[in-house]
Amino acid sequence: MNPTLSNIFIVAYAALTLIGRIILEPQLQGQYLISIGMGAFALLFLWALIRSGFIRPTLMGLDRYGRKDTNS
């Protein structure tokens, strides 16, 4: 995925997971560890996509953590 689409994907993914957690929070009835676990899983999934090279974001220096090109 090119960097522009990767940046859009990162912003949309973060916004949707945050909205999902805000909607689910009242239904969890104070079980904040479940919400923290969902957030940690969402970040782990995003990190795995970056590390595998599927997405190549350039937001906030995230391009340092992805797969490096060895062609140069």
Protein backbone atom coordinates (compact mmCIF):
# COMPACT_ATOMS: atom_id res chain seq x y z
CA MET A 1 0.00 0.00 0.00
CA ASN A 2 1.46 3.37 -0.85
CA PRO A 3 2.27 5.82 1.99
CA THR A 4 -0.72 8.10 1.38
CA LEU A 5 -3.22 5.23 1.54
CA SER A 6 -1.37 3.83 4.54
CA ASN A 7 -1.74 7.14 6.38
CA ILE A 8 -5.46 7.27 5.58
CA PHE A 9 -5.84 3.65 6.73
CA ILE A 10 -4.02 4.39 10.03
CA VAL A 11 -6.21 7.42 10.80
CA ALA A 12 -9.44 5.61 9.87
CA TYR A 13 -8.45 2.47 11.81
CA ALA A 14 -7.54 4.47 14.92
CA ALA A 15 -10.76 6.50 14.75
CA LEU A 16 -12.96 3.44 14.24
CA THR A 17 -11.36 1.47 17.07
CA LEU A 18 -11.66 4.46 19.40
CA ILE A 19 -15.32 4.96 18.48
CA GLY A 20 -15.94 1.23 18.93
CA ARG A 21 -14.37 1.28 22.38
CA ILE A 22 -16.38 4.37 23.38
CA ILE A 23 -19.61 2.68 22.26
CA LEU A 24 -18.77 -0.59 24.04
CA GLU A 25 -17.52 1.00 27.28
CA PRO A 26 -20.98 1.47 28.89
CA GLN A 27 -21.91 -2.13 28.07
CA LEU A 28 -18.80 -3.43 29.85
CA GLN A 29 -20.11 -2.05 33.18
CA GLY A 30 -16.77 -1.00 34.63
CA GLN A 31 -14.71 -3.87 33.22
CA TYR A 32 -11.93 -1.52 32.13
CA LEU A 33 -9.39 -4.34 31.65
CA ILE A 34 -11.44 -5.66 28.71
CA SER A 35 -11.33 -2.22 27.11
CA ILE A 36 -7.58 -1.96 27.69
CA GLY A 37 -7.14 -5.44 26.21
CA MET A 38 -9.12 -4.48 23.10
CA GLY A 39 -7.00 -1.37 22.68
CA ALA A 40 -3.78 -3.33 23.13
CA PHE A 41 -4.91 -5.90 20.55
CA ALA A 42 -5.80 -3.12 18.09
CA LEU A 43 -2.33 -1.59 18.49
CA LEU A 44 -0.66 -5.00 18.17
CA PHE A 45 -2.55 -5.67 14.94
CA LEU A 46 -1.54 -2.27 13.55
CA TRP A 47 2.09 -2.87 14.55
CA ALA A 48 2.05 -6.26 12.80
CA LEU A 49 0.74 -4.68 9.59
CA ILE A 50 3.53 -2.09 9.70
CA ARG A 51 6.26 -4.64 10.50
CA SER A 52 5.17 -6.97 7.69
CA GLY A 53 5.39 -4.11 5.20
CA PHE A 54 1.73 -4.34 4.20
CA ILE A 55 1.23 -0.71 5.14
CA ARG A 56 3.95 1.95 4.95
CA PRO A 57 2.79 4.94 7.01
CA THR A 58 4.77 8.16 7.25
CA LEU A 59 2.73 9.76 10.04
CA MET A 60 4.68 10.75 13.17
CA GLY A 61 7.80 8.83 12.20
CA LEU A 62 6.07 5.44 11.89
CA ASP A 63 8.08 4.76 8.73
CA ARG A 64 11.09 3.91 10.91
CA TYR A 65 9.39 0.73 12.17
CA GLY A 66 8.41 -0.90 8.89
CA ARG A 67 10.33 -3.21 6.60
CA LYS A 68 13.46 -1.62 5.19
CA ASP A 69 14.18 -1.55 1.45
CA THR A 70 17.52 -3.18 0.69
CA ASN A 71 17.67 -2.05 -2.96
CA SER A 72 19.73 1.07 -2.27
